[in-house]
Structures are given as C-alpha cells and as structure tokens.
Amino acid sequence: MNRHSILAVAVLAASMIPFAAEAQKPMPSFYDLKTTTLLGKPADLAEYKGKVTLAVNVASYCGYTPQYKGLEALHRELKDKGFAVLGFPSNDFGEQEPGTGEEIAQFCKLTYDVTFPMFAKVVTMPGPQQSPVYRLLGASGHLPQWNFAKYLIGKDGKVIAFYPSDVTPESPQLRNAIAKALAD
C-alpha cells in the first residue's frame, strides 16, 4: 500500500467514527419523547414511565371508531393498576379525522365519554412529516395500516407488541398481554 492509499483509508476510517457512535446510541424509550396534548399544551411521555401503555392511532369517522368505548373501558378498569390508554388522532387513513383538536376532544367526550389522554393529531406514515412518536413506534417493524392500530408498551418504554385495527380492546390476546406486562 502506498502513502496515498494509507492516507485515504485513514481519512475514511476517521469520517466513519460519527456513524459508528450514532449506531451505538441506545434506542430511545417511548417515555423519552415529548409531544403535545390534543388541546395544544406541551406533554412529556415520561409521565407514563413505569406504567404499561397502549398507544392507539384514533379517528372519529372510521368503522373502528366504536373501539373508543372498549378503549375507555380498558383505561378505566386498569388505570389504578399502572396502565394507560394513549390516543393519537390521525387523518392518514381515508381522511377520517379531519377535525381540530377541540372538535376531536368534543366528539370523544360527548360520544364515548373518553377520559384517557389524547394527544395532538399525528402523521403515522413514513416521511418527513411523520410524528417522532410513530417514527419510534415504527422502529418495532410495524406501522399502522389503518386507524385503531395498537402498540403495547412496557414499563421500560419498549414496544412489547403490535395489534392491527381489527384486534379489539376486548380481545383476550390483547388483554392477556396487558396483564402479563403489568405483572412483569
């Protein structure tokens, strides 16, 4: 190897150090993220650290919208046991969530008496507008294909499981996974 080749290899190796350091950074926890509430106030998901959560991309005008009833029942049943449902409205699928934060909040309260935390409307689909929340959730290998997809997140902020839209809040599969995560 001549002097120029050695220099080129050294420069290339040195330029890759930042990439290597980046690759070794631990994946952030869901609970490391900050977002905004449905009504525009800052929200820190660290509030849920140590709890089991179910993050759901919700929409007001979808065939799956009646799942709000089951999600609310699940939230009320388990909230005192270290569990929370977290709603993330999205207009990504069929434009079924066109409302403002205030309109969404009013619909959820009046129609389903939703008390679980709701956050600002997000983009779940990959691309420059994708929400950091869904960028992190998508790192699990799954992104929603429609409204009411669910991510079960452990006390440590890591995704435990993904459930597509047709898995209801009453599903034994989902309920058993929540019970196991709460027991861990």
N, C-alpha and C. Protein backbone atom coordinates (compact mmCIF):
# COMPACT_ATOMS: atom_id res chain seq x y z
N MET A 1 0.84 -1.16 0.00
CA MET A 1 0.00 0.00 0.00
C MET A 1 0.89 1.23 0.00
N ASN A 2 0.59 2.17 -0.90
CA ASN A 2 1.41 3.38 -0.92
C ASN A 2 0.87 4.40 0.09
N ARG A 3 1.62 5.48 0.20
CA ARG A 3 1.31 6.51 1.18
C ARG A 3 -0.08 7.11 0.95
N HIS A 4 -0.50 7.33 -0.30
CA HIS A 4 -1.80 7.91 -0.61
C HIS A 4 -2.94 6.96 -0.23
N SER A 5 -2.71 5.68 -0.43
CA SER A 5 -3.73 4.68 -0.07
C SER A 5 -3.92 4.63 1.45
N ILE A 6 -2.81 4.69 2.17
CA ILE A 6 -2.88 4.66 3.63
C ILE A 6 -3.59 5.90 4.14
N LEU A 7 -3.30 7.05 3.57
CA LEU A 7 -3.94 8.29 3.95
C LEU A 7 -5.44 8.23 3.64
N ALA A 8 -5.82 7.71 2.49
CA ALA A 8 -7.23 7.60 2.11
C ALA A 8 -7.99 6.70 3.08
N VAL A 9 -7.39 5.58 3.45
CA VAL A 9 -8.03 4.66 4.40
C VAL A 9 -8.18 5.33 5.75
N ALA A 10 -7.16 6.07 6.20
CA ALA A 10 -7.21 6.75 7.49
C ALA A 10 -8.31 7.82 7.50
N VAL A 11 -8.41 8.59 6.42
CA VAL A 11 -9.44 9.63 6.32
C VAL A 11 -10.83 8.99 6.32
N LEU A 12 -11.00 7.91 5.56
CA LEU A 12 -12.28 7.22 5.50
C LEU A 12 -12.65 6.66 6.88
N ALA A 13 -11.72 6.04 7.55
CA ALA A 13 -11.97 5.48 8.87
C ALA A 13 -12.35 6.57 9.86
N ALA A 14 -11.65 7.69 9.84
CA ALA A 14 -11.94 8.80 10.74
C ALA A 14 -13.32 9.38 10.46
N SER A 15 -13.70 9.43 9.19
CA SER A 15 -15.00 10.01 8.85
C SER A 15 -16.15 9.11 9.28
N MET A 16 -15.89 7.84 9.52
CA MET A 16 -16.94 6.91 9.91
C MET A 16 -17.16 6.86 11.42
N ILE A 17 -16.29 7.45 12.19
CA ILE A 17 -16.42 7.43 13.65
C ILE A 17 -17.76 8.01 14.10
N PRO A 18 -18.22 9.15 13.56
CA PRO A 18 -19.54 9.65 14.00
C PRO A 18 -20.66 8.65 13.70
N PHE A 19 -20.60 7.96 12.55
CA PHE A 19 -21.63 6.98 12.21
C PHE A 19 -21.60 5.82 13.18
N ALA A 20 -20.42 5.36 13.53
CA ALA A 20 -20.28 4.25 14.47
C ALA A 20 -20.84 4.65 15.83
N ALA A 21 -20.52 5.87 16.27
CA ALA A 21 -21.03 6.35 17.56
C ALA A 21 -22.55 6.45 17.50
N GLU A 22 -23.10 6.93 16.39
CA GLU A 22 -24.55 7.04 16.21
C GLU A 22 -25.20 5.66 16.26
N ALA A 23 -24.59 4.69 15.63
CA ALA A 23 -25.14 3.34 15.58
C ALA A 23 -25.14 2.69 16.97
N GLN A 24 -24.23 3.12 17.84
CA GLN A 24 -24.14 2.52 19.17
C GLN A 24 -25.06 3.21 20.18
N LYS A 25 -25.66 4.33 19.81
CA LYS A 25 -26.57 5.01 20.73
C LYS A 25 -27.75 4.10 21.01
N PRO A 26 -28.15 4.00 22.27
CA PRO A 26 -29.31 3.15 22.56
C PRO A 26 -30.58 3.79 21.98
N MET A 27 -31.49 2.91 21.56
CA MET A 27 -32.77 3.37 21.04
C MET A 27 -33.51 4.09 22.15
N PRO A 28 -34.03 5.29 21.88
CA PRO A 28 -34.74 5.99 22.95
C PRO A 28 -36.00 5.21 23.35
N SER A 29 -36.42 5.43 24.55
CA SER A 29 -37.64 4.83 25.07
C SER A 29 -38.83 5.68 24.61
N PHE A 30 -39.98 5.07 24.48
CA PHE A 30 -41.22 5.80 24.18
C PHE A 30 -41.40 6.91 25.21
N TYR A 31 -41.01 6.62 26.45
CA TYR A 31 -41.19 7.58 27.53
C TYR A 31 -40.15 8.70 27.54
N ASP A 32 -39.22 8.69 26.59
CA ASP A 32 -38.27 9.79 26.43
C ASP A 32 -38.84 10.90 25.55
N LEU A 33 -39.96 10.64 24.89
CA LEU A 33 -40.50 11.58 23.91
C LEU A 33 -41.34 12.66 24.55
N LYS A 34 -41.34 13.79 23.87
CA LYS A 34 -42.21 14.91 24.24
C LYS A 34 -43.16 15.13 23.07
N THR A 35 -44.36 15.55 23.38
CA THR A 35 -45.37 15.77 22.34
C THR A 35 -46.28 16.91 22.78
N THR A 36 -47.47 16.93 22.27
CA THR A 36 -48.43 17.99 22.57
C THR A 36 -49.79 17.34 22.85
N THR A 37 -50.53 17.89 23.79
CA THR A 37 -51.87 17.37 24.07
C THR A 37 -52.81 17.75 22.92
N LEU A 38 -53.97 17.15 22.95
CA LEU A 38 -54.98 17.44 21.93
C LEU A 38 -55.35 18.92 21.91
N LEU A 39 -55.25 19.57 23.06
CA LEU A 39 -55.61 20.99 23.14
C LEU A 39 -54.39 21.91 23.07
N GLY A 40 -53.24 21.37 22.61
CA GLY A 40 -52.08 22.20 22.30
C GLY A 40 -51.11 22.48 23.42
N LYS A 41 -51.24 21.81 24.55
CA LYS A 41 -50.30 22.03 25.65
C LYS A 41 -49.14 21.04 25.53
N PRO A 42 -47.94 21.44 25.97
CA PRO A 42 -46.80 20.50 25.94
C PRO A 42 -47.10 19.27 26.79
N ALA A 43 -46.65 18.13 26.32
CA ALA A 43 -46.84 16.87 27.05
C ALA A 43 -45.54 16.09 27.02
N ASP A 44 -45.20 15.51 28.15
CA ASP A 44 -43.99 14.72 28.28
C ASP A 44 -44.41 13.28 28.57
N LEU A 45 -44.07 12.37 27.66
CA LEU A 45 -44.47 10.98 27.85
C LEU A 45 -43.74 10.32 29.01
N ALA A 46 -42.75 11.00 29.59
CA ALA A 46 -42.06 10.50 30.79
C ALA A 46 -43.05 10.33 31.94
N GLU A 47 -44.16 11.02 31.87
CA GLU A 47 -45.21 10.89 32.88
C GLU A 47 -45.70 9.43 33.00
N TYR A 48 -45.52 8.65 31.94
CA TYR A 48 -46.01 7.27 31.91
C TYR A 48 -44.92 6.24 32.17
N LYS A 49 -43.69 6.71 32.40
CA LYS A 49 -42.59 5.79 32.67
C LYS A 49 -42.93 4.95 33.90
N GLY A 50 -42.69 3.65 33.79
CA GLY A 50 -43.03 2.74 34.87
C GLY A 50 -44.45 2.19 34.76
N LYS A 51 -45.20 2.68 33.78
CA LYS A 51 -46.55 2.16 33.53
C LYS A 51 -46.52 1.36 32.24
N VAL A 52 -47.56 0.59 32.04
CA VAL A 52 -47.81 -0.09 30.77
C VAL A 52 -48.80 0.79 30.02
N THR A 53 -48.51 1.06 28.76
CA THR A 53 -49.42 1.90 27.99
C THR A 53 -49.82 1.21 26.68
N LEU A 54 -50.94 1.67 26.16
CA LEU A 54 -51.43 1.21 24.87
C LEU A 54 -51.60 2.46 24.01
N ALA A 55 -50.71 2.64 23.03
CA ALA A 55 -50.77 3.78 22.13
C ALA A 55 -51.61 3.39 20.92
N VAL A 56 -52.61 4.21 20.60
CA VAL A 56 -53.57 3.89 19.54
C VAL A 56 -53.74 5.10 18.62
N ASN A 57 -53.64 4.86 17.30
CA ASN A 57 -53.95 5.93 16.36
C ASN A 57 -55.46 5.91 16.12
N VAL A 58 -56.12 6.96 16.57
CA VAL A 58 -57.57 7.01 16.58
C VAL A 58 -58.11 7.94 15.50
N ALA A 59 -59.40 7.77 15.18
CA ALA A 59 -60.08 8.63 14.20
C ALA A 59 -61.58 8.64 14.52
N SER A 60 -62.21 9.76 14.30
CA SER A 60 -63.62 9.95 14.66
C SER A 60 -64.61 9.36 13.67
N TYR A 61 -64.21 9.20 12.42
CA TYR A 61 -65.17 8.79 11.38
C TYR A 61 -64.72 7.53 10.68
N CYS A 62 -64.50 6.48 11.43
CA CYS A 62 -63.97 5.23 10.92
C CYS A 62 -64.89 4.09 11.35
N GLY A 63 -64.88 3.02 10.61
CA GLY A 63 -65.64 1.84 11.01
C GLY A 63 -65.18 1.28 12.35
N TYR A 64 -63.94 1.57 12.73
CA TYR A 64 -63.40 1.10 14.00
C TYR A 64 -63.62 2.10 15.15
N THR A 65 -64.21 3.25 14.86
CA THR A 65 -64.40 4.29 15.88
C THR A 65 -65.13 3.77 17.12
N PRO A 66 -66.09 2.84 17.01
CA PRO A 66 -66.71 2.31 18.23
C PRO A 66 -65.73 1.66 19.21
N GLN A 67 -64.48 1.40 18.77
CA GLN A 67 -63.48 0.87 19.71
C GLN A 67 -63.17 1.87 20.81
N TYR A 68 -63.51 3.15 20.61
CA TYR A 68 -63.32 4.12 21.69
C TYR A 68 -63.99 3.62 22.97
N LYS A 69 -65.18 3.02 22.84
CA LYS A 69 -65.90 2.53 24.01
C LYS A 69 -65.07 1.49 24.77
N GLY A 70 -64.52 0.52 24.05
CA GLY A 70 -63.70 -0.51 24.68
C GLY A 70 -62.39 0.03 25.22
N LEU A 71 -61.78 0.97 24.49
CA LEU A 71 -60.53 1.58 24.97
C LEU A 71 -60.77 2.34 26.27
N GLU A 72 -61.89 3.06 26.34
CA GLU A 72 -62.21 3.80 27.55
C GLU A 72 -62.47 2.84 28.71
N ALA A 73 -63.19 1.76 28.45
CA ALA A 73 -63.46 0.77 29.50
C ALA A 73 -62.15 0.15 30.01
N LEU A 74 -61.26 -0.17 29.09
CA LEU A 74 -59.95 -0.73 29.44
C LEU A 74 -59.16 0.26 30.31
N HIS A 75 -59.16 1.52 29.88
CA HIS A 75 -58.44 2.56 30.63
C HIS A 75 -59.00 2.70 32.04
N ARG A 76 -60.32 2.79 32.15
CA ARG A 76 -60.93 2.97 33.48
C ARG A 76 -60.70 1.76 34.38
N GLU A 77 -60.76 0.58 33.80
CA GLU A 77 -60.57 -0.65 34.57
C GLU A 77 -59.15 -0.78 35.13
N LEU A 78 -58.15 -0.37 34.34
CA LEU A 78 -56.76 -0.65 34.71
C LEU A 78 -55.91 0.58 35.08
N LYS A 79 -56.48 1.77 35.02
CA LYS A 79 -55.66 2.97 35.26
C LYS A 79 -55.05 3.02 36.65
N ASP A 80 -55.73 2.44 37.64
CA ASP A 80 -55.18 2.44 39.00
C ASP A 80 -54.21 1.30 39.24
N LYS A 81 -53.96 0.48 38.20
CA LYS A 81 -53.03 -0.65 38.30
C LYS A 81 -51.76 -0.39 37.49
N GLY A 82 -51.55 0.88 37.08
CA GLY A 82 -50.33 1.21 36.35
C GLY A 82 -50.46 1.08 34.84
N PHE A 83 -51.64 1.36 34.30
CA PHE A 83 -51.91 1.23 32.87
C PHE A 83 -52.58 2.49 32.36
N ALA A 84 -52.30 2.83 31.10
CA ALA A 84 -52.99 3.96 30.47
C ALA A 84 -53.14 3.70 28.97
N VAL A 85 -54.30 4.08 28.45
CA VAL A 85 -54.51 4.15 27.01
C VAL A 85 -54.12 5.56 26.60
N LEU A 86 -53.38 5.69 25.50
CA LEU A 86 -52.97 6.99 24.97
C LEU A 86 -53.46 7.10 23.53
N GLY A 87 -54.28 8.10 23.26
CA GLY A 87 -54.85 8.27 21.92
C GLY A 87 -54.08 9.29 21.10
N PHE A 88 -53.77 8.90 19.86
CA PHE A 88 -53.07 9.77 18.92
C PHE A 88 -53.91 9.89 17.65
N PRO A 89 -54.77 10.93 17.55
CA PRO A 89 -55.59 11.08 16.36
C PRO A 89 -54.72 11.22 15.11
N SER A 90 -55.22 10.64 14.03
CA SER A 90 -54.51 10.70 12.76
C SER A 90 -55.51 10.78 11.62
N ASN A 91 -55.19 11.58 10.64
CA ASN A 91 -56.03 11.72 9.45
C ASN A 91 -55.43 10.99 8.26
N ASP A 92 -54.51 10.06 8.53
CA ASP A 92 -53.75 9.38 7.47
C ASP A 92 -54.58 8.42 6.63
N PHE A 93 -55.61 7.84 7.20
CA PHE A 93 -56.32 6.77 6.52
C PHE A 93 -57.74 7.19 6.21
N GLY A 94 -58.01 7.41 4.94
CA GLY A 94 -59.35 7.78 4.50
C GLY A 94 -59.80 9.15 4.97
N GLU A 95 -58.86 9.97 5.42
CA GLU A 95 -59.18 11.31 5.94
C GLU A 95 -60.35 11.24 6.93
N GLN A 96 -60.26 10.28 7.86
CA GLN A 96 -61.34 10.03 8.81
C GLN A 96 -61.17 10.76 10.13
N GLU A 97 -60.18 11.66 10.20
CA GLU A 97 -60.01 12.52 11.37
C GLU A 97 -59.70 13.94 10.91
N PRO A 98 -60.70 14.61 10.30
CA PRO A 98 -60.45 15.93 9.73
C PRO A 98 -60.53 17.07 10.75
N GLY A 99 -61.06 16.82 11.94
CA GLY A 99 -61.34 17.88 12.89
C GLY A 99 -60.12 18.52 13.53
N THR A 100 -60.40 19.64 14.19
CA THR A 100 -59.39 20.32 15.00
C THR A 100 -59.28 19.58 16.33
N GLY A 101 -58.29 19.94 17.11
CA GLY A 101 -58.14 19.34 18.43
C GLY A 101 -59.39 19.52 19.28
N GLU A 102 -59.96 20.71 19.24
CA GLU A 102 -61.16 20.99 20.03
C GLU A 102 -62.33 20.14 19.54
N GLU A 103 -62.49 20.00 18.23
CA GLU A 103 -63.58 19.19 17.67
C GLU A 103 -63.42 17.72 18.04
N ILE A 104 -62.20 17.23 17.96
CA ILE A 104 -61.92 15.83 18.31
C ILE A 104 -62.23 15.61 19.79
N ALA A 105 -61.76 16.52 20.65
CA ALA A 105 -62.00 16.40 22.09
C ALA A 105 -63.49 16.39 22.39
N GLN A 106 -64.23 17.26 21.75
CA GLN A 106 -65.67 17.34 21.98
C GLN A 106 -66.36 16.05 21.51
N PHE A 107 -66.00 15.57 20.34
CA PHE A 107 -66.57 14.32 19.82
C PHE A 107 -66.31 13.17 20.79
N CYS A 108 -65.06 13.04 21.23
CA CYS A 108 -64.68 11.93 22.11
C CYS A 108 -65.41 12.00 23.44
N LYS A 109 -65.53 13.19 24.00
CA LYS A 109 -66.19 13.36 25.30
C LYS A 109 -67.69 13.10 25.18
N LEU A 110 -68.33 13.73 24.20
CA LEU A 110 -69.78 13.61 24.07
C LEU A 110 -70.23 12.23 23.60
N THR A 111 -69.48 11.60 22.72
CA THR A 111 -69.91 10.34 22.13
C THR A 111 -69.48 9.13 22.95
N TYR A 112 -68.25 9.16 23.51
CA TYR A 112 -67.72 7.98 24.21
C TYR A 112 -67.25 8.27 25.63
N ASP A 113 -67.45 9.49 26.12
CA ASP A 113 -67.00 9.90 27.45
C ASP A 113 -65.54 9.53 27.69
N VAL A 114 -64.69 9.82 26.70
CA VAL A 114 -63.27 9.49 26.77
C VAL A 114 -62.59 10.32 27.86
N THR A 115 -61.90 9.62 28.75
CA THR A 115 -61.12 10.29 29.80
C THR A 115 -59.63 9.99 29.66
N PHE A 116 -59.28 9.00 28.79
CA PHE A 116 -57.85 8.69 28.65
C PHE A 116 -57.15 9.82 27.90
N PRO A 117 -55.84 9.98 28.11
CA PRO A 117 -55.10 11.08 27.49
C PRO A 117 -55.14 11.02 25.96
N MET A 118 -55.39 12.16 25.38
CA MET A 118 -55.40 12.31 23.92
C MET A 118 -54.36 13.37 23.56
N PHE A 119 -53.66 13.11 22.47
CA PHE A 119 -52.58 13.99 22.05
C PHE A 119 -52.91 14.61 20.70
N ALA A 120 -52.09 15.57 20.30
CA ALA A 120 -52.30 16.28 19.04
C ALA A 120 -52.30 15.31 17.86
N LYS A 121 -53.02 15.68 16.83
CA LYS A 121 -53.10 14.87 15.61
C LYS A 121 -51.70 14.63 15.07
N VAL A 122 -51.43 13.39 14.65
CA VAL A 122 -50.11 12.99 14.18
C VAL A 122 -50.17 12.38 12.78
N VAL A 123 -49.01 12.36 12.15
CA VAL A 123 -48.83 11.61 10.91
C VAL A 123 -48.14 10.31 11.30
N THR A 124 -48.75 9.19 10.95
CA THR A 124 -48.18 7.89 11.29
C THR A 124 -47.32 7.34 10.17
N MET A 125 -47.56 7.79 8.94
CA MET A 125 -46.90 7.27 7.76
C MET A 125 -45.45 7.76 7.67
N PRO A 126 -44.55 6.93 7.14
CA PRO A 126 -43.15 7.34 7.00
C PRO A 126 -43.01 8.56 6.09
N GLY A 127 -42.01 9.35 6.36
CA GLY A 127 -41.73 10.54 5.56
C GLY A 127 -41.35 11.69 6.46
N PRO A 128 -41.09 12.85 5.85
CA PRO A 128 -40.60 13.99 6.64
C PRO A 128 -41.61 14.54 7.65
N GLN A 129 -42.90 14.29 7.43
CA GLN A 129 -43.93 14.80 8.35
C GLN A 129 -44.28 13.80 9.46
N GLN A 130 -43.69 12.59 9.41
CA GLN A 130 -44.04 11.56 10.39
C GLN A 130 -43.74 12.04 11.81
N SER A 131 -44.66 11.80 12.69
CA SER A 131 -44.50 12.14 14.09
C SER A 131 -43.32 11.37 14.70
N PRO A 132 -42.53 12.02 15.56
CA PRO A 132 -41.46 11.30 16.26
C PRO A 132 -42.00 10.10 17.04
N VAL A 133 -43.22 10.21 17.54
CA VAL A 133 -43.84 9.11 18.27
C VAL A 133 -43.96 7.90 17.35
N TYR A 134 -44.47 8.11 16.13
CA TYR A 134 -44.66 6.99 15.21
C TYR A 134 -43.36 6.57 14.52
N ARG A 135 -42.39 7.46 14.47
CA ARG A 135 -41.07 7.04 13.98
C ARG A 135 -40.49 6.03 14.96
N LEU A 136 -40.60 6.32 16.25
CA LEU A 136 -40.09 5.39 17.26
C LEU A 136 -40.93 4.11 17.29
N LEU A 137 -42.24 4.22 17.29
CA LEU A 137 -43.09 3.03 17.31
C LEU A 137 -42.85 2.17 16.07
N GLY A 138 -42.66 2.81 14.93
CA GLY A 138 -42.42 2.10 13.67
C GLY A 138 -41.11 1.33 13.67
N ALA A 139 -40.17 1.74 14.52
CA ALA A 139 -38.89 1.03 14.61
C ALA A 139 -39.10 -0.40 15.11
N SER A 140 -40.29 -0.69 15.61
CA SER A 140 -40.62 -2.05 16.06
C SER A 140 -40.85 -2.98 14.86
N GLY A 141 -40.89 -2.39 13.66
CA GLY A 141 -41.13 -3.18 12.46
C GLY A 141 -42.58 -3.12 11.99
N HIS A 142 -43.41 -2.38 12.71
CA HIS A 142 -44.82 -2.28 12.36
C HIS A 142 -45.27 -0.83 12.34
N LEU A 143 -46.01 -0.47 11.31
CA LEU A 143 -46.69 0.82 11.28
C LEU A 143 -48.17 0.55 11.02
N PRO A 144 -49.04 1.43 11.50
CA PRO A 144 -50.46 1.22 11.25
C PRO A 144 -50.77 1.13 9.76
N GLN A 145 -51.68 0.23 9.43
CA GLN A 145 -52.19 0.13 8.06
C GLN A 145 -53.56 0.78 7.98
N TRP A 146 -54.12 1.12 9.15
CA TRP A 146 -55.41 1.79 9.22
C TRP A 146 -55.57 2.36 10.63
N ASN A 147 -56.67 3.02 10.89
CA ASN A 147 -56.96 3.61 12.20
C ASN A 147 -57.16 2.51 13.25
N PHE A 148 -56.87 2.85 14.49
CA PHE A 148 -57.04 1.99 15.66
C PHE A 148 -56.07 0.82 15.71
N ALA A 149 -54.87 1.01 15.15
CA ALA A 149 -53.77 0.06 15.37
C ALA A 149 -53.23 0.36 16.78
N LYS A 150 -52.74 -0.69 17.44
CA LYS A 150 -52.37 -0.56 18.84
C LYS A 150 -50.96 -1.06 19.10
N TYR A 151 -50.23 -0.31 19.91
CA TYR A 151 -48.90 -0.70 20.37
C TYR A 151 -48.96 -0.87 21.87
N LEU A 152 -48.61 -2.04 22.35
CA LEU A 152 -48.49 -2.26 23.78
C LEU A 152 -47.05 -1.94 24.17
N ILE A 153 -46.91 -1.04 25.12
CA ILE A 153 -45.60 -0.53 25.51
C ILE A 153 -45.36 -0.86 26.98
N GLY A 154 -44.20 -1.46 27.26
CA GLY A 154 -43.87 -1.89 28.61
C GLY A 154 -43.47 -0.75 29.52
N LYS A 155 -43.29 -1.09 30.76
CA LYS A 155 -42.91 -0.11 31.79
C LYS A 155 -41.60 0.59 31.46
N ASP A 156 -40.75 -0.08 30.67
CA ASP A 156 -39.46 0.49 30.28
C ASP A 156 -39.53 1.34 29.02
N GLY A 157 -40.71 1.46 28.43
CA GLY A 157 -40.87 2.30 27.24
C GLY A 157 -40.57 1.58 25.94
N LYS A 158 -40.37 0.28 25.98
CA LYS A 158 -40.10 -0.52 24.77
C LYS A 158 -41.40 -1.16 24.29
N VAL A 159 -41.56 -1.23 22.97
CA VAL A 159 -42.75 -1.85 22.38
C VAL A 159 -42.71 -3.35 22.66
N ILE A 160 -43.78 -3.85 23.26
CA ILE A 160 -43.92 -5.28 23.56
C ILE A 160 -44.60 -5.99 22.39
N ALA A 161 -45.66 -5.35 21.86
CA ALA A 161 -46.44 -6.00 20.81
C ALA A 161 -47.19 -4.96 20.00
N PHE A 162 -47.53 -5.35 18.78
CA PHE A 162 -48.33 -4.53 17.87
C PHE A 162 -49.60 -5.30 17.55
N TYR A 163 -50.73 -4.61 17.54
CA TYR A 163 -52.01 -5.22 17.21
C TYR A 163 -52.68 -4.40 16.11
N PRO A 164 -53.05 -5.04 15.01
CA PRO A 164 -53.72 -4.30 13.94
C PRO A 164 -55.12 -3.85 14.36
N SER A 165 -55.73 -3.05 13.54
CA SER A 165 -57.01 -2.41 13.83
C SER A 165 -58.11 -3.38 14.22
N ASP A 166 -58.13 -4.55 13.64
CA ASP A 166 -59.23 -5.48 13.91
C ASP A 166 -59.11 -6.20 15.25
N VAL A 167 -58.02 -6.01 15.96
CA VAL A 167 -57.90 -6.55 17.32
C VAL A 167 -58.56 -5.53 18.26
N THR A 168 -59.65 -5.95 18.87
CA THR A 168 -60.43 -5.02 19.69
C THR A 168 -59.86 -4.91 21.10
N PRO A 169 -60.25 -3.87 21.82
CA PRO A 169 -59.80 -3.72 23.21
C PRO A 169 -60.27 -4.88 24.10
N GLU A 170 -61.32 -5.57 23.69
CA GLU A 170 -61.83 -6.69 24.48
C GLU A 170 -61.14 -8.01 24.15
N SER A 171 -60.30 -8.02 23.14
CA SER A 171 -59.64 -9.23 22.67
C SER A 171 -58.87 -9.92 23.80
N PRO A 172 -59.09 -11.24 23.99
CA PRO A 172 -58.32 -11.96 25.01
C PRO A 172 -56.81 -11.89 24.75
N GLN A 173 -56.42 -11.90 23.49
CA GLN A 173 -55.00 -11.80 23.12
C GLN A 173 -54.40 -10.50 23.69
N LEU A 174 -55.07 -9.38 23.47
CA LEU A 174 -54.59 -8.09 23.96
C LEU A 174 -54.68 -8.03 25.48
N ARG A 175 -55.79 -8.45 26.02
CA ARG A 175 -55.99 -8.39 27.48
C ARG A 175 -54.95 -9.23 28.22
N ASN A 176 -54.65 -10.42 27.70
CA ASN A 176 -53.65 -11.29 28.34
C ASN A 176 -52.25 -10.65 28.27
N ALA A 177 -51.94 -10.03 27.15
CA ALA A 177 -50.64 -9.36 27.01
C ALA A 177 -50.51 -8.19 27.98
N ILE A 178 -51.60 -7.45 28.17
CA ILE A 178 -51.58 -6.33 29.11
C ILE A 178 -51.37 -6.86 30.53
N ALA A 179 -52.11 -7.90 30.89
CA ALA A 179 -51.98 -8.48 32.23
C ALA A 179 -50.55 -8.97 32.49
N LYS A 180 -49.95 -9.61 31.50
CA LYS A 180 -48.57 -10.10 31.62
C LYS A 180 -47.61 -8.93 31.80
N ALA A 181 -47.79 -7.87 30.99
CA ALA A 181 -46.90 -6.70 31.09
C ALA A 181 -47.04 -6.01 32.44
N LEU A 182 -48.25 -5.95 32.96
CA LEU A 182 -48.45 -5.34 34.29
C LEU A 182 -47.79 -6.18 35.38
N ALA A 183 -47.78 -7.50 35.21
CA ALA A 183 -47.18 -8.40 36.22
C ALA A 183 -45.65 -8.38 36.18
N ASP A 184 -45.07 -8.05 35.03
CA ASP A 184 -43.60 -8.05 34.89
C ASP A 184 -42.97 -6.93 35.68
